[in-house]
Amino acid sequence: MSENIFPFTLQLRLDWSEMDLFGHINNVSYFKYIQASRVHYWEQSGISKLFEEKKIGPILASVKCDFAKPLHFPGNCQIKARIEFIGNSSFGIHHKIFNEQNELCAEAHDVIVMYDFNTNTKVAFPDELKNKVEQLQGKF
């Protein structure tokens, strides 16, 4: 899989209310941006549709964010996302957050577990979703 392929991009406006005492976007807001990127990936890749149809969907197990550069209001940010790995029942999403100058401001890594909400158990990552991800990004 090419690590340079980030098939989904989300543009977000930075809000004045997200600033902290020091005049830059508060670190908590980065996690909101990562969540927006994660949900965008789920919607675009078919993971959300699987939940609607079969009540099988993702549960966030962990998220880690490394901050590289502050974001400032007013402005926008761009978040790029790709599936980083697919395990048996878990998968990872890698996010990169860029400012308007296309400078990397943060990188985040999610670990997500596929879950059957009918039986309250984790389940294998569906082959049809894996095939779609491989079409978007290449083989794992």
N, C-alpha and C. Protein backbone atom coordinates (compact mmCIF):
# COMPACT_ATOMS: atom_id res chain seq x y z
N MET A 1 0.84 -1.17 0.00
CA MET A 1 0.00 0.00 0.00
C MET A 1 0.88 1.24 0.00
N SER A 2 0.55 2.18 -0.81
CA SER A 2 1.30 3.42 -0.83
C SER A 2 0.92 4.29 0.35
N GLU A 3 1.92 4.71 1.11
CA GLU A 3 1.65 5.56 2.27
C GLU A 3 1.36 7.00 1.87
N ASN A 4 1.49 7.31 0.59
CA ASN A 4 1.23 8.67 0.13
C ASN A 4 -0.21 8.88 -0.31
N ILE A 5 -0.98 7.81 -0.39
CA ILE A 5 -2.36 7.93 -0.87
C ILE A 5 -3.28 8.19 0.32
N PHE A 6 -3.84 9.38 0.34
CA PHE A 6 -4.85 9.76 1.32
C PHE A 6 -6.10 10.08 0.52
N PRO A 7 -7.00 9.08 0.34
CA PRO A 7 -8.09 9.24 -0.62
C PRO A 7 -9.17 10.24 -0.21
N PHE A 8 -9.24 10.59 1.06
CA PHE A 8 -10.31 11.49 1.48
C PHE A 8 -9.75 12.74 2.12
N THR A 9 -10.29 13.87 1.70
CA THR A 9 -9.88 15.17 2.21
C THR A 9 -11.12 15.91 2.70
N LEU A 10 -10.99 16.54 3.83
CA LEU A 10 -12.08 17.31 4.42
C LEU A 10 -11.57 18.72 4.73
N GLN A 11 -12.29 19.72 4.27
CA GLN A 11 -11.96 21.12 4.57
C GLN A 11 -12.84 21.59 5.73
N LEU A 12 -12.22 22.23 6.71
CA LEU A 12 -12.98 22.76 7.85
C LEU A 12 -12.57 24.21 8.11
N ARG A 13 -13.56 25.01 8.50
CA ARG A 13 -13.30 26.39 8.89
C ARG A 13 -12.94 26.42 10.37
N LEU A 14 -11.91 27.16 10.70
CA LEU A 14 -11.53 27.32 12.10
C LEU A 14 -12.43 28.39 12.71
N ASP A 15 -12.91 28.12 13.90
CA ASP A 15 -13.87 29.01 14.54
C ASP A 15 -13.20 29.81 15.65
N TRP A 16 -13.61 31.04 15.81
CA TRP A 16 -13.06 31.92 16.85
C TRP A 16 -13.20 31.26 18.23
N SER A 17 -14.29 30.56 18.46
CA SER A 17 -14.53 29.95 19.77
C SER A 17 -13.56 28.80 20.07
N GLU A 18 -12.79 28.36 19.09
CA GLU A 18 -11.85 27.26 19.29
C GLU A 18 -10.47 27.74 19.74
N MET A 19 -10.29 29.05 19.82
CA MET A 19 -9.00 29.60 20.25
C MET A 19 -8.83 29.44 21.76
N ASP A 20 -7.59 29.35 22.18
CA ASP A 20 -7.31 29.31 23.61
C ASP A 20 -6.70 30.63 24.06
N LEU A 21 -6.30 30.69 25.29
CA LEU A 21 -5.75 31.90 25.90
C LEU A 21 -4.54 32.43 25.14
N PHE A 22 -3.82 31.56 24.44
CA PHE A 22 -2.58 31.94 23.77
C PHE A 22 -2.79 32.34 22.31
N GLY A 23 -4.05 32.37 21.85
CA GLY A 23 -4.36 32.86 20.51
C GLY A 23 -4.27 31.84 19.40
N HIS A 24 -4.11 30.59 19.75
CA HIS A 24 -4.13 29.56 18.70
C HIS A 24 -5.24 28.57 19.01
N ILE A 25 -5.52 27.71 18.04
CA ILE A 25 -6.60 26.74 18.19
C ILE A 25 -6.23 25.74 19.28
N ASN A 26 -7.14 25.55 20.22
CA ASN A 26 -6.91 24.67 21.36
C ASN A 26 -6.76 23.23 20.91
N ASN A 27 -5.92 22.48 21.61
CA ASN A 27 -5.66 21.09 21.23
C ASN A 27 -6.91 20.23 21.25
N VAL A 28 -7.89 20.55 22.08
CA VAL A 28 -9.14 19.78 22.11
C VAL A 28 -9.84 19.85 20.76
N SER A 29 -9.75 21.00 20.09
CA SER A 29 -10.40 21.16 18.79
C SER A 29 -9.81 20.23 17.74
N TYR A 30 -8.54 19.93 17.84
CA TYR A 30 -7.92 19.00 16.89
C TYR A 30 -8.64 17.65 16.94
N PHE A 31 -9.04 17.23 18.14
CA PHE A 31 -9.73 15.95 18.26
C PHE A 31 -11.12 16.02 17.63
N LYS A 32 -11.75 17.18 17.65
CA LYS A 32 -13.02 17.36 16.94
C LYS A 32 -12.79 17.27 15.43
N TYR A 33 -11.69 17.85 14.94
CA TYR A 33 -11.38 17.77 13.52
C TYR A 33 -11.10 16.33 13.11
N ILE A 34 -10.38 15.60 13.95
CA ILE A 34 -10.08 14.19 13.68
C ILE A 34 -11.37 13.38 13.64
N GLN A 35 -12.28 13.67 14.57
CA GLN A 35 -13.57 12.98 14.57
C GLN A 35 -14.33 13.28 13.29
N ALA A 36 -14.34 14.54 12.85
CA ALA A 36 -15.02 14.89 11.61
C ALA A 36 -14.41 14.14 10.43
N SER A 37 -13.09 14.03 10.40
CA SER A 37 -12.40 13.31 9.33
C SER A 37 -12.75 11.82 9.37
N ARG A 38 -12.76 11.27 10.57
CA ARG A 38 -13.08 9.84 10.75
C ARG A 38 -14.48 9.55 10.23
N VAL A 39 -15.47 10.36 10.62
CA VAL A 39 -16.85 10.15 10.19
C VAL A 39 -16.97 10.35 8.68
N HIS A 40 -16.26 11.34 8.14
CA HIS A 40 -16.25 11.56 6.70
C HIS A 40 -15.72 10.32 5.98
N TYR A 41 -14.65 9.72 6.50
CA TYR A 41 -14.10 8.50 5.90
C TYR A 41 -15.15 7.39 5.96
N TRP A 42 -15.79 7.23 7.12
CA TRP A 42 -16.81 6.19 7.25
C TRP A 42 -17.93 6.38 6.23
N GLU A 43 -18.38 7.62 6.06
CA GLU A 43 -19.47 7.89 5.12
C GLU A 43 -19.05 7.61 3.68
N GLN A 44 -17.85 8.03 3.31
CA GLN A 44 -17.39 7.90 1.93
C GLN A 44 -16.99 6.47 1.56
N SER A 45 -16.56 5.69 2.53
CA SER A 45 -16.06 4.34 2.24
C SER A 45 -17.14 3.27 2.33
N GLY A 46 -18.30 3.58 2.88
CA GLY A 46 -19.36 2.59 2.99
C GLY A 46 -19.51 2.00 4.39
N ILE A 47 -18.65 2.38 5.31
CA ILE A 47 -18.75 1.85 6.67
C ILE A 47 -20.06 2.29 7.32
N SER A 48 -20.46 3.54 7.11
CA SER A 48 -21.72 4.03 7.68
C SER A 48 -22.92 3.30 7.08
N LYS A 49 -22.86 3.00 5.78
CA LYS A 49 -23.95 2.28 5.12
C LYS A 49 -24.09 0.88 5.70
N LEU A 50 -22.98 0.23 5.98
CA LEU A 50 -23.01 -1.10 6.59
C LEU A 50 -23.74 -1.05 7.93
N PHE A 51 -23.48 -0.01 8.70
CA PHE A 51 -24.17 0.12 9.98
C PHE A 51 -25.68 0.32 9.77
N GLU A 52 -26.05 1.17 8.82
CA GLU A 52 -27.47 1.42 8.55
C GLU A 52 -28.18 0.14 8.12
N GLU A 53 -27.52 -0.67 7.33
CA GLU A 53 -28.15 -1.87 6.77
C GLU A 53 -28.12 -3.07 7.70
N LYS A 54 -27.00 -3.27 8.41
CA LYS A 54 -26.82 -4.50 9.18
C LYS A 54 -26.54 -4.28 10.66
N LYS A 55 -26.43 -3.02 11.08
CA LYS A 55 -26.08 -2.68 12.48
C LYS A 55 -24.71 -3.24 12.85
N ILE A 56 -23.82 -3.27 11.85
CA ILE A 56 -22.41 -3.59 12.07
C ILE A 56 -21.64 -2.31 11.78
N GLY A 57 -20.83 -1.88 12.73
CA GLY A 57 -20.15 -0.61 12.54
C GLY A 57 -18.93 -0.46 13.43
N PRO A 58 -18.33 0.71 13.37
CA PRO A 58 -17.08 0.96 14.07
C PRO A 58 -17.28 1.47 15.50
N ILE A 59 -16.35 1.08 16.34
CA ILE A 59 -16.23 1.65 17.70
C ILE A 59 -14.77 2.08 17.86
N LEU A 60 -14.59 3.32 18.27
CA LEU A 60 -13.25 3.86 18.46
C LEU A 60 -12.61 3.23 19.69
N ALA A 61 -11.44 2.64 19.50
CA ALA A 61 -10.71 2.03 20.62
C ALA A 61 -9.65 2.99 21.16
N SER A 62 -8.98 3.73 20.26
CA SER A 62 -8.00 4.70 20.72
C SER A 62 -7.73 5.73 19.63
N VAL A 63 -7.23 6.87 20.06
CA VAL A 63 -6.79 7.90 19.14
C VAL A 63 -5.56 8.58 19.75
N LYS A 64 -4.58 8.83 18.91
CA LYS A 64 -3.33 9.47 19.34
C LYS A 64 -3.07 10.61 18.38
N CYS A 65 -2.68 11.76 18.91
CA CYS A 65 -2.40 12.91 18.07
C CYS A 65 -1.06 13.52 18.44
N ASP A 66 -0.23 13.76 17.43
CA ASP A 66 1.04 14.46 17.61
C ASP A 66 0.90 15.83 16.96
N PHE A 67 1.20 16.87 17.72
CA PHE A 67 1.06 18.24 17.26
C PHE A 67 2.39 18.74 16.72
N ALA A 68 2.36 19.36 15.54
CA ALA A 68 3.59 19.83 14.91
C ALA A 68 3.65 21.35 14.81
N LYS A 69 2.50 22.00 14.62
CA LYS A 69 2.46 23.43 14.37
C LYS A 69 1.07 23.93 14.76
N PRO A 70 0.97 25.12 15.35
CA PRO A 70 -0.35 25.60 15.75
C PRO A 70 -1.20 26.05 14.55
N LEU A 71 -2.50 25.92 14.71
CA LEU A 71 -3.47 26.50 13.79
C LEU A 71 -3.96 27.81 14.40
N HIS A 72 -4.32 28.76 13.53
CA HIS A 72 -4.75 30.07 14.02
C HIS A 72 -6.05 30.50 13.36
N PHE A 73 -6.88 31.19 14.14
CA PHE A 73 -8.08 31.83 13.62
C PHE A 73 -7.71 33.22 13.15
N PRO A 74 -8.28 33.75 12.07
CA PRO A 74 -9.21 33.09 11.15
C PRO A 74 -8.46 32.19 10.19
N GLY A 75 -9.16 31.25 9.66
CA GLY A 75 -8.53 30.37 8.70
C GLY A 75 -9.31 29.08 8.51
N ASN A 76 -8.68 28.20 7.78
CA ASN A 76 -9.25 26.89 7.48
C ASN A 76 -8.17 25.84 7.68
N CYS A 77 -8.60 24.62 7.80
CA CYS A 77 -7.65 23.51 7.82
C CYS A 77 -8.16 22.44 6.87
N GLN A 78 -7.24 21.60 6.47
CA GLN A 78 -7.55 20.49 5.59
C GLN A 78 -7.08 19.22 6.28
N ILE A 79 -7.95 18.22 6.33
CA ILE A 79 -7.60 16.96 6.96
C ILE A 79 -7.64 15.87 5.89
N LYS A 80 -6.54 15.16 5.76
CA LYS A 80 -6.45 14.05 4.82
C LYS A 80 -6.46 12.76 5.62
N ALA A 81 -7.13 11.73 5.08
CA ALA A 81 -7.26 10.47 5.82
C ALA A 81 -7.07 9.27 4.91
N ARG A 82 -6.53 8.21 5.52
CA ARG A 82 -6.38 6.93 4.83
C ARG A 82 -6.44 5.82 5.86
N ILE A 83 -6.83 4.65 5.41
CA ILE A 83 -6.74 3.47 6.26
C ILE A 83 -5.27 3.10 6.35
N GLU A 84 -4.81 2.92 7.58
CA GLU A 84 -3.40 2.63 7.84
C GLU A 84 -3.13 1.12 7.91
N PHE A 85 -4.07 0.39 8.48
CA PHE A 85 -3.95 -1.06 8.56
C PHE A 85 -5.34 -1.66 8.70
N ILE A 86 -5.45 -2.91 8.31
CA ILE A 86 -6.67 -3.68 8.55
C ILE A 86 -6.23 -4.98 9.20
N GLY A 87 -6.70 -5.19 10.42
CA GLY A 87 -6.45 -6.44 11.12
C GLY A 87 -7.65 -7.35 10.95
N ASN A 88 -7.80 -8.30 11.89
CA ASN A 88 -8.95 -9.20 11.83
C ASN A 88 -10.24 -8.43 12.10
N SER A 89 -10.35 -7.81 13.26
CA SER A 89 -11.55 -7.06 13.60
C SER A 89 -11.28 -5.57 13.79
N SER A 90 -10.03 -5.18 13.72
CA SER A 90 -9.70 -3.77 13.93
C SER A 90 -9.06 -3.18 12.67
N PHE A 91 -9.08 -1.87 12.62
CA PHE A 91 -8.40 -1.15 11.54
C PHE A 91 -7.96 0.20 12.07
N GLY A 92 -7.07 0.82 11.34
CA GLY A 92 -6.55 2.12 11.77
C GLY A 92 -6.74 3.16 10.68
N ILE A 93 -6.99 4.38 11.12
CA ILE A 93 -7.06 5.51 10.20
C ILE A 93 -5.95 6.49 10.56
N HIS A 94 -5.22 6.92 9.56
CA HIS A 94 -4.15 7.91 9.71
C HIS A 94 -4.69 9.23 9.18
N HIS A 95 -4.62 10.28 9.99
CA HIS A 95 -5.09 11.61 9.61
C HIS A 95 -3.90 12.57 9.60
N LYS A 96 -3.90 13.49 8.65
CA LYS A 96 -2.93 14.58 8.61
C LYS A 96 -3.71 15.89 8.53
N ILE A 97 -3.39 16.82 9.41
CA ILE A 97 -4.06 18.12 9.44
C ILE A 97 -3.09 19.18 8.93
N PHE A 98 -3.54 19.93 7.92
CA PHE A 98 -2.72 20.96 7.30
C PHE A 98 -3.38 22.33 7.46
N ASN A 99 -2.56 23.38 7.56
CA ASN A 99 -3.09 24.75 7.57
C ASN A 99 -3.26 25.24 6.13
N GLU A 100 -3.63 26.51 5.98
CA GLU A 100 -3.88 27.06 4.65
C GLU A 100 -2.60 27.19 3.81
N GLN A 101 -1.46 27.16 4.45
CA GLN A 101 -0.19 27.21 3.72
C GLN A 101 0.31 25.80 3.37
N ASN A 102 -0.55 24.81 3.59
CA ASN A 102 -0.25 23.41 3.35
C ASN A 102 0.90 22.89 4.21
N GLU A 103 1.02 23.45 5.42
CA GLU A 103 2.01 23.00 6.38
C GLU A 103 1.36 21.97 7.29
N LEU A 104 2.07 20.89 7.56
CA LEU A 104 1.56 19.86 8.46
C LEU A 104 1.48 20.41 9.88
N CYS A 105 0.30 20.38 10.46
CA CYS A 105 0.10 20.89 11.82
C CYS A 105 -0.08 19.78 12.84
N ALA A 106 -0.60 18.63 12.41
CA ALA A 106 -0.79 17.51 13.34
C ALA A 106 -0.99 16.23 12.55
N GLU A 107 -0.64 15.12 13.20
CA GLU A 107 -0.92 13.79 12.66
C GLU A 107 -1.60 12.98 13.75
N ALA A 108 -2.61 12.22 13.35
CA ALA A 108 -3.33 11.40 14.32
C ALA A 108 -3.48 9.98 13.79
N HIS A 109 -3.60 9.05 14.72
CA HIS A 109 -3.77 7.64 14.40
C HIS A 109 -4.89 7.08 15.25
N ASP A 110 -5.92 6.55 14.58
CA ASP A 110 -7.05 5.90 15.26
C ASP A 110 -6.88 4.39 15.21
N VAL A 111 -7.37 3.72 16.23
CA VAL A 111 -7.58 2.27 16.19
C VAL A 111 -9.08 2.09 16.42
N ILE A 112 -9.70 1.37 15.50
CA ILE A 112 -11.15 1.21 15.49
C ILE A 112 -11.47 -0.27 15.39
N VAL A 113 -12.51 -0.69 16.09
CA VAL A 113 -12.93 -2.09 16.10
C VAL A 113 -14.28 -2.19 15.42
N MET A 114 -14.43 -3.17 14.53
CA MET A 114 -15.73 -3.43 13.92
C MET A 114 -16.58 -4.20 14.93
N TYR A 115 -17.82 -3.77 15.07
CA TYR A 115 -18.67 -4.25 16.15
C TYR A 115 -20.06 -4.57 15.62
N ASP A 116 -20.60 -5.70 16.02
CA ASP A 116 -21.98 -6.07 15.69
C ASP A 116 -22.87 -5.60 16.83
N PHE A 117 -23.64 -4.56 16.57
CA PHE A 117 -24.51 -3.98 17.59
C PHE A 117 -25.74 -4.85 17.86
N ASN A 118 -25.99 -5.86 17.02
CA ASN A 118 -27.08 -6.80 17.26
C ASN A 118 -26.70 -7.80 18.35
N THR A 119 -25.44 -8.24 18.34
CA THR A 119 -24.99 -9.28 19.26
C THR A 119 -24.03 -8.74 20.32
N ASN A 120 -23.68 -7.46 20.21
CA ASN A 120 -22.73 -6.82 21.14
C ASN A 120 -21.39 -7.56 21.19
N THR A 121 -20.88 -7.87 20.00
CA THR A 121 -19.58 -8.53 19.89
C THR A 121 -18.79 -7.90 18.75
N LYS A 122 -17.47 -7.99 18.85
CA LYS A 122 -16.65 -7.53 17.73
C LYS A 122 -16.74 -8.56 16.62
N VAL A 123 -16.54 -8.08 15.39
CA VAL A 123 -16.64 -8.96 14.22
C VAL A 123 -15.47 -8.67 13.29
N ALA A 124 -15.25 -9.57 12.36
CA ALA A 124 -14.17 -9.40 11.38
C ALA A 124 -14.47 -8.20 10.47
N PHE A 125 -13.41 -7.54 10.03
CA PHE A 125 -13.54 -6.45 9.07
C PHE A 125 -14.09 -7.06 7.78
N PRO A 126 -15.24 -6.58 7.28
CA PRO A 126 -15.89 -7.21 6.12
C PRO A 126 -15.03 -7.15 4.85
N ASP A 127 -15.01 -8.26 4.11
CA ASP A 127 -14.22 -8.34 2.88
C ASP A 127 -14.65 -7.29 1.86
N GLU A 128 -15.96 -7.01 1.76
CA GLU A 128 -16.41 -6.03 0.76
C GLU A 128 -15.87 -4.63 1.06
N LEU A 129 -15.73 -4.31 2.35
CA LEU A 129 -15.13 -3.01 2.72
C LEU A 129 -13.63 -3.02 2.45
N LYS A 130 -12.99 -4.14 2.74
CA LYS A 130 -11.55 -4.23 2.48
C LYS A 130 -11.28 -4.05 0.99
N ASN A 131 -12.11 -4.67 0.15
CA ASN A 131 -11.95 -4.52 -1.30
C ASN A 131 -12.12 -3.07 -1.73
N LYS A 132 -13.09 -2.38 -1.15
CA LYS A 132 -13.32 -0.98 -1.50
C LYS A 132 -12.12 -0.11 -1.07
N VAL A 133 -11.62 -0.35 0.13
CA VAL A 133 -10.44 0.39 0.61
C VAL A 133 -9.26 0.14 -0.30
N GLU A 134 -9.07 -1.10 -0.73
CA GLU A 134 -7.95 -1.43 -1.62
C GLU A 134 -8.12 -0.77 -2.99
N GLN A 135 -9.35 -0.60 -3.45
CA GLN A 135 -9.58 0.14 -4.69
C GLN A 135 -9.19 1.60 -4.54
N LEU A 136 -9.44 2.17 -3.37
CA LEU A 136 -9.13 3.58 -3.12
C LEU A 136 -7.65 3.83 -2.86
N GLN A 137 -6.99 2.89 -2.20
CA GLN A 137 -5.64 3.13 -1.71
C GLN A 137 -4.59 2.16 -2.23
N GLY A 138 -4.99 1.02 -2.69
CA GLY A 138 -4.04 -0.02 -3.08
C GLY A 138 -4.07 -1.15 -2.07
N LYS A 139 -3.37 -2.21 -2.39
CA LYS A 139 -3.36 -3.43 -1.54
C LYS A 139 -2.68 -3.19 -0.21
N PHE A 140 -3.11 -3.97 0.78
CA PHE A 140 -2.48 -3.93 2.11
C PHE A 140 -1.43 -5.01 2.21
